[in-house]
Amino acid sequence: QVQLVESGGGLVQAGGSLRLSCAASGNIAGINTMGWDRQAPGKQRELVATITSGSSTNYADSVKGRFTISRDNAKNTVYLQMNSLKPEDTAVYYCAADITSYSGSGYKRDNYWGQGTQVTVSS
């Protein structure tokens, strides 16, 4: 059973910073792309950033230059450093990962999501 557990959300003033973490655990054989999505109230879920196993990154235009995604492969963990936060960044942030797991039945590759962590930016 694979799990993703996020931490680091909270309340911050505009212009401030937060760092989100997401640790994957379970019977993991390998982790491919990892990333972060977010969903604001009344809005569609949107991709924020992704990072491949080779550390190539991709960002939504709305966060470029302010957010940085990184990963620690030894810890099966992905991070999102968020600087210069704006009220429009307020959302529930979800970690996602493309993971190959193993069991007695063999290997399985699937996408997994965390439970979400709230980020609120006050003006």
N, C-alpha and C. Protein backbone atom coordinates (compact mmCIF):
# COMPACT_ATOMS: atom_id res chain seq x y z
N GLN A 1 0.84 -1.18 0.00
CA GLN A 1 0.00 0.00 0.00
C GLN A 1 0.88 1.24 0.00
N VAL A 2 0.67 2.12 -0.97
CA VAL A 2 1.45 3.34 -1.08
C VAL A 2 0.66 4.50 -0.50
N GLN A 3 1.35 5.35 0.24
CA GLN A 3 0.71 6.55 0.80
C GLN A 3 1.57 7.77 0.54
N LEU A 4 0.91 8.90 0.33
CA LEU A 4 1.58 10.19 0.24
C LEU A 4 1.05 11.05 1.39
N VAL A 5 1.95 11.59 2.18
CA VAL A 5 1.55 12.40 3.32
C VAL A 5 2.18 13.78 3.20
N GLU A 6 1.33 14.81 3.13
CA GLU A 6 1.80 16.19 2.99
C GLU A 6 1.90 16.87 4.35
N SER A 7 2.74 17.89 4.40
CA SER A 7 2.84 18.73 5.60
C SER A 7 3.34 20.10 5.17
N GLY A 8 3.17 21.07 6.07
CA GLY A 8 3.75 22.39 5.83
C GLY A 8 2.77 23.48 5.46
N GLY A 9 1.50 23.16 5.30
CA GLY A 9 0.54 24.20 4.98
C GLY A 9 0.27 25.10 6.18
N GLY A 10 -0.50 26.17 5.95
CA GLY A 10 -0.82 27.06 7.04
C GLY A 10 -1.28 28.41 6.55
N LEU A 11 -1.29 29.36 7.49
CA LEU A 11 -1.73 30.73 7.21
C LEU A 11 -0.50 31.63 7.18
N VAL A 12 -0.42 32.45 6.13
CA VAL A 12 0.72 33.35 5.98
C VAL A 12 0.22 34.66 5.37
N GLN A 13 0.91 35.74 5.67
CA GLN A 13 0.56 37.03 5.06
C GLN A 13 1.11 37.12 3.64
N ALA A 14 0.46 37.94 2.85
CA ALA A 14 0.94 38.17 1.49
C ALA A 14 2.40 38.62 1.52
N GLY A 15 3.18 38.06 0.60
CA GLY A 15 4.60 38.35 0.56
C GLY A 15 5.44 37.36 1.34
N GLY A 16 4.78 36.53 2.14
CA GLY A 16 5.49 35.57 2.95
C GLY A 16 5.83 34.29 2.20
N SER A 17 6.37 33.32 2.96
CA SER A 17 6.83 32.06 2.38
C SER A 17 6.31 30.88 3.16
N LEU A 18 6.15 29.77 2.48
CA LEU A 18 5.84 28.48 3.09
C LEU A 18 6.58 27.40 2.32
N ARG A 19 6.87 26.31 3.01
CA ARG A 19 7.48 25.15 2.36
C ARG A 19 6.62 23.92 2.62
N LEU A 20 6.13 23.33 1.54
CA LEU A 20 5.35 22.11 1.64
C LEU A 20 6.26 20.90 1.42
N SER A 21 5.95 19.83 2.15
CA SER A 21 6.66 18.56 1.98
C SER A 21 5.66 17.46 1.73
N CYS A 22 6.10 16.44 1.00
CA CYS A 22 5.25 15.28 0.75
C CYS A 22 6.13 14.05 0.71
N ALA A 23 5.88 13.14 1.64
CA ALA A 23 6.67 11.92 1.74
C ALA A 23 5.85 10.72 1.27
N ALA A 24 6.44 9.94 0.40
CA ALA A 24 5.81 8.71 -0.08
C ALA A 24 6.34 7.53 0.73
N SER A 25 5.43 6.61 1.06
CA SER A 25 5.84 5.43 1.81
C SER A 25 5.07 4.21 1.32
N GLY A 26 5.58 3.04 1.68
CA GLY A 26 4.94 1.80 1.26
C GLY A 26 5.91 0.94 0.48
N ASN A 27 5.38 0.00 -0.26
CA ASN A 27 6.20 -0.92 -1.04
C ASN A 27 6.57 -0.27 -2.38
N ILE A 28 7.52 0.64 -2.32
CA ILE A 28 7.89 1.45 -3.47
C ILE A 28 9.12 0.88 -4.16
N ALA A 29 8.97 0.59 -5.44
CA ALA A 29 10.11 0.13 -6.23
C ALA A 29 10.79 1.30 -6.93
N GLY A 30 10.01 2.32 -7.25
CA GLY A 30 10.57 3.50 -7.91
C GLY A 30 9.53 4.60 -8.04
N ILE A 31 10.01 5.84 -8.05
CA ILE A 31 9.12 6.99 -8.21
C ILE A 31 9.52 7.76 -9.45
N ASN A 32 8.59 7.97 -10.32
CA ASN A 32 8.84 8.69 -11.56
C ASN A 32 8.57 10.18 -11.33
N THR A 33 7.66 10.77 -12.05
CA THR A 33 7.38 12.18 -11.86
C THR A 33 6.60 12.43 -10.56
N MET A 34 6.96 13.50 -9.87
CA MET A 34 6.23 13.95 -8.69
C MET A 34 5.78 15.38 -8.94
N GLY A 35 4.75 15.80 -8.23
CA GLY A 35 4.28 17.15 -8.48
C GLY A 35 3.28 17.63 -7.45
N TRP A 36 2.82 18.85 -7.68
CA TRP A 36 1.83 19.48 -6.82
C TRP A 36 0.70 20.06 -7.67
N ASP A 37 -0.53 19.81 -7.23
CA ASP A 37 -1.73 20.44 -7.78
C ASP A 37 -2.31 21.34 -6.71
N ARG A 38 -3.24 22.19 -7.08
CA ARG A 38 -3.97 22.95 -6.07
C ARG A 38 -5.39 23.19 -6.54
N GLN A 39 -6.28 23.37 -5.56
CA GLN A 39 -7.67 23.68 -5.88
C GLN A 39 -8.16 24.76 -4.94
N ALA A 40 -8.53 25.89 -5.51
CA ALA A 40 -9.10 26.99 -4.75
C ALA A 40 -10.62 26.84 -4.71
N PRO A 41 -11.26 27.42 -3.71
CA PRO A 41 -12.72 27.31 -3.61
C PRO A 41 -13.41 27.81 -4.88
N GLY A 42 -14.30 26.99 -5.42
CA GLY A 42 -15.06 27.38 -6.60
C GLY A 42 -14.28 27.35 -7.90
N LYS A 43 -13.06 26.84 -7.86
CA LYS A 43 -12.24 26.80 -9.08
C LYS A 43 -11.82 25.38 -9.40
N GLN A 44 -11.41 25.18 -10.65
CA GLN A 44 -10.93 23.86 -11.06
C GLN A 44 -9.55 23.60 -10.48
N ARG A 45 -9.27 22.32 -10.31
CA ARG A 45 -7.94 21.93 -9.85
C ARG A 45 -6.94 22.26 -10.95
N GLU A 46 -5.77 22.77 -10.54
CA GLU A 46 -4.76 23.13 -11.53
C GLU A 46 -3.40 22.58 -11.12
N LEU A 47 -2.60 22.30 -12.15
CA LEU A 47 -1.25 21.83 -11.93
C LEU A 47 -0.39 23.02 -11.52
N VAL A 48 0.41 22.83 -10.47
CA VAL A 48 1.30 23.90 -10.00
C VAL A 48 2.72 23.67 -10.49
N ALA A 49 3.25 22.47 -10.25
CA ALA A 49 4.62 22.19 -10.62
C ALA A 49 4.84 20.69 -10.66
N THR A 50 5.80 20.27 -11.51
CA THR A 50 6.19 18.87 -11.58
C THR A 50 7.70 18.76 -11.62
N ILE A 51 8.20 17.59 -11.22
CA ILE A 51 9.63 17.31 -11.28
C ILE A 51 9.80 15.86 -11.65
N THR A 52 10.63 15.59 -12.65
CA THR A 52 10.84 14.21 -13.10
C THR A 52 11.88 13.52 -12.22
N SER A 53 12.06 12.24 -12.46
CA SER A 53 13.07 11.49 -11.71
C SER A 53 14.47 12.03 -12.01
N GLY A 54 14.63 12.68 -13.15
CA GLY A 54 15.92 13.28 -13.51
C GLY A 54 16.02 14.74 -13.10
N SER A 55 15.02 15.21 -12.33
CA SER A 55 14.97 16.57 -11.78
C SER A 55 14.68 17.66 -12.80
N SER A 56 14.08 17.31 -13.93
CA SER A 56 13.56 18.34 -14.82
C SER A 56 12.28 18.89 -14.24
N THR A 57 12.12 20.19 -14.27
CA THR A 57 10.97 20.83 -13.62
C THR A 57 10.08 21.56 -14.62
N ASN A 58 8.84 21.73 -14.21
CA ASN A 58 7.86 22.45 -15.01
C ASN A 58 6.94 23.19 -14.06
N TYR A 59 6.57 24.43 -14.41
CA TYR A 59 5.75 25.26 -13.52
C TYR A 59 4.58 25.88 -14.25
N ALA A 60 3.50 26.08 -13.53
CA ALA A 60 2.41 26.89 -14.06
C ALA A 60 2.91 28.33 -14.20
N ASP A 61 2.41 29.03 -15.21
CA ASP A 61 2.85 30.41 -15.43
C ASP A 61 2.60 31.28 -14.20
N SER A 62 1.54 30.99 -13.48
CA SER A 62 1.14 31.82 -12.35
C SER A 62 2.11 31.73 -11.17
N VAL A 63 2.99 30.72 -11.15
CA VAL A 63 3.90 30.55 -10.01
C VAL A 63 5.36 30.64 -10.41
N LYS A 64 5.64 30.75 -11.70
CA LYS A 64 7.02 30.82 -12.16
C LYS A 64 7.75 31.99 -11.52
N GLY A 65 8.97 31.71 -11.05
CA GLY A 65 9.77 32.74 -10.41
C GLY A 65 9.49 32.90 -8.93
N ARG A 66 8.39 32.30 -8.44
CA ARG A 66 8.04 32.41 -7.02
C ARG A 66 8.11 31.06 -6.30
N PHE A 67 7.75 29.99 -6.99
CA PHE A 67 7.74 28.66 -6.39
C PHE A 67 8.90 27.84 -6.94
N THR A 68 9.42 26.96 -6.11
CA THR A 68 10.48 26.03 -6.53
C THR A 68 10.14 24.63 -6.05
N ILE A 69 10.12 23.69 -6.99
CA ILE A 69 9.89 22.29 -6.64
C ILE A 69 11.22 21.57 -6.61
N SER A 70 11.37 20.66 -5.66
CA SER A 70 12.59 19.87 -5.55
C SER A 70 12.22 18.51 -4.96
N ARG A 71 13.17 17.58 -4.99
CA ARG A 71 12.90 16.26 -4.45
C ARG A 71 14.17 15.68 -3.85
N ASP A 72 13.94 14.79 -2.89
CA ASP A 72 15.02 14.02 -2.27
C ASP A 72 14.69 12.56 -2.52
N ASN A 73 15.36 11.97 -3.49
CA ASN A 73 15.04 10.59 -3.88
C ASN A 73 15.34 9.59 -2.77
N ALA A 74 16.34 9.86 -1.96
CA ALA A 74 16.68 8.95 -0.86
C ALA A 74 15.57 8.90 0.18
N LYS A 75 14.81 10.00 0.29
CA LYS A 75 13.72 10.08 1.28
C LYS A 75 12.34 9.93 0.64
N ASN A 76 12.30 9.70 -0.67
CA ASN A 76 11.01 9.60 -1.39
C ASN A 76 10.13 10.81 -1.09
N THR A 77 10.73 11.98 -1.10
CA THR A 77 10.03 13.19 -0.68
C THR A 77 10.15 14.27 -1.75
N VAL A 78 9.07 15.00 -1.94
CA VAL A 78 9.05 16.15 -2.83
C VAL A 78 8.69 17.39 -2.02
N TYR A 79 9.27 18.51 -2.39
CA TYR A 79 9.07 19.77 -1.67
C TYR A 79 8.53 20.83 -2.63
N LEU A 80 7.85 21.81 -2.05
CA LEU A 80 7.43 22.98 -2.81
C LEU A 80 7.73 24.20 -1.95
N GLN A 81 8.76 24.94 -2.34
CA GLN A 81 9.09 26.18 -1.67
C GLN A 81 8.30 27.30 -2.33
N MET A 82 7.48 27.98 -1.55
CA MET A 82 6.60 29.02 -2.07
C MET A 82 7.00 30.35 -1.47
N ASN A 83 7.48 31.25 -2.30
CA ASN A 83 7.89 32.59 -1.88
C ASN A 83 6.97 33.64 -2.50
N SER A 84 7.03 34.83 -1.95
CA SER A 84 6.22 35.95 -2.47
C SER A 84 4.77 35.54 -2.66
N LEU A 85 4.22 34.92 -1.65
CA LEU A 85 2.87 34.40 -1.75
C LEU A 85 1.84 35.51 -1.92
N LYS A 86 0.80 35.22 -2.68
CA LYS A 86 -0.27 36.16 -2.97
C LYS A 86 -1.59 35.56 -2.48
N PRO A 87 -2.58 36.40 -2.19
CA PRO A 87 -3.89 35.87 -1.77
C PRO A 87 -4.47 34.87 -2.78
N GLU A 88 -4.18 35.06 -4.05
CA GLU A 88 -4.71 34.13 -5.06
C GLU A 88 -4.02 32.76 -5.04
N ASP A 89 -2.99 32.60 -4.23
CA ASP A 89 -2.37 31.29 -4.05
C ASP A 89 -3.13 30.46 -3.01
N THR A 90 -4.10 31.06 -2.35
CA THR A 90 -4.89 30.34 -1.36
C THR A 90 -5.61 29.17 -2.01
N ALA A 91 -5.39 27.97 -1.46
CA ALA A 91 -5.97 26.75 -2.04
C ALA A 91 -5.59 25.57 -1.17
N VAL A 92 -6.20 24.44 -1.47
CA VAL A 92 -5.73 23.17 -0.93
C VAL A 92 -4.70 22.63 -1.92
N TYR A 93 -3.53 22.31 -1.42
CA TYR A 93 -2.44 21.82 -2.25
C TYR A 93 -2.32 20.31 -2.09
N TYR A 94 -2.27 19.63 -3.22
CA TYR A 94 -2.20 18.17 -3.24
C TYR A 94 -0.89 17.72 -3.87
N CYS A 95 -0.26 16.77 -3.22
CA CYS A 95 0.92 16.12 -3.76
C CYS A 95 0.47 14.98 -4.67
N ALA A 96 1.21 14.76 -5.76
CA ALA A 96 0.92 13.66 -6.67
C ALA A 96 2.22 12.98 -7.07
N ALA A 97 2.14 11.70 -7.33
CA ALA A 97 3.35 10.97 -7.73
C ALA A 97 2.99 9.77 -8.59
N ASP A 98 3.84 9.53 -9.55
CA ASP A 98 3.74 8.36 -10.45
C ASP A 98 4.71 7.32 -9.87
N ILE A 99 4.13 6.27 -9.27
CA ILE A 99 4.93 5.34 -8.47
C ILE A 99 4.78 3.91 -8.97
N THR A 100 5.91 3.22 -9.01
CA THR A 100 5.90 1.78 -9.26
C THR A 100 6.04 1.08 -7.92
N SER A 101 5.05 0.29 -7.56
CA SER A 101 5.07 -0.45 -6.30
C SER A 101 5.21 -1.94 -6.57
N TYR A 102 5.48 -2.67 -5.53
CA TYR A 102 5.62 -4.12 -5.68
C TYR A 102 4.82 -4.85 -4.61
N SER A 103 4.44 -6.06 -4.97
CA SER A 103 3.73 -6.93 -4.04
C SER A 103 4.02 -8.36 -4.46
N GLY A 104 3.36 -9.28 -3.79
CA GLY A 104 3.53 -10.67 -4.16
C GLY A 104 3.09 -10.98 -5.58
N SER A 105 2.25 -10.08 -6.12
CA SER A 105 1.74 -10.26 -7.48
C SER A 105 2.65 -9.67 -8.54
N GLY A 106 3.67 -8.95 -8.10
CA GLY A 106 4.58 -8.33 -9.05
C GLY A 106 4.61 -6.83 -8.91
N TYR A 107 4.90 -6.14 -9.99
CA TYR A 107 5.05 -4.69 -9.99
C TYR A 107 3.81 -4.04 -10.60
N LYS A 108 3.49 -2.85 -10.08
CA LYS A 108 2.36 -2.09 -10.59
C LYS A 108 2.74 -0.62 -10.61
N ARG A 109 2.43 0.05 -11.72
CA ARG A 109 2.69 1.48 -11.83
C ARG A 109 1.36 2.21 -11.81
N ASP A 110 1.26 3.25 -10.95
CA ASP A 110 0.00 3.96 -10.80
C ASP A 110 0.26 5.38 -10.32
N ASN A 111 -0.76 6.23 -10.39
CA ASN A 111 -0.68 7.60 -9.86
C ASN A 111 -1.32 7.65 -8.48
N TYR A 112 -0.69 8.38 -7.59
CA TYR A 112 -1.17 8.50 -6.21
C TYR A 112 -1.25 9.98 -5.83
N TRP A 113 -2.19 10.29 -4.93
CA TRP A 113 -2.36 11.65 -4.43
C TRP A 113 -2.38 11.66 -2.91
N GLY A 114 -1.92 12.76 -2.34
CA GLY A 114 -2.02 12.95 -0.90
C GLY A 114 -3.39 13.47 -0.52
N GLN A 115 -3.57 13.69 0.78
CA GLN A 115 -4.88 14.09 1.28
C GLN A 115 -5.12 15.60 1.15
N GLY A 116 -4.08 16.33 0.86
CA GLY A 116 -4.19 17.78 0.69
C GLY A 116 -3.81 18.54 1.95
N THR A 117 -3.24 19.72 1.75
CA THR A 117 -2.89 20.59 2.87
C THR A 117 -3.33 22.02 2.51
N GLN A 118 -3.95 22.68 3.46
CA GLN A 118 -4.51 24.02 3.20
C GLN A 118 -3.42 25.08 3.29
N VAL A 119 -3.40 25.93 2.29
CA VAL A 119 -2.54 27.12 2.30
C VAL A 119 -3.45 28.34 2.18
N THR A 120 -3.35 29.22 3.15
CA THR A 120 -4.16 30.44 3.15
C THR A 120 -3.24 31.66 3.22
N VAL A 121 -3.40 32.55 2.25
CA VAL A 121 -2.59 33.76 2.20
C VAL A 121 -3.49 34.96 2.43
N SER A 122 -3.22 35.69 3.49
CA SER A 122 -4.05 36.86 3.83
C SER A 122 -3.46 38.13 3.22
N SER A 123 -4.34 39.04 2.89
CA SER A 123 -3.88 40.29 2.25
C SER A 123 -3.59 41.36 3.28
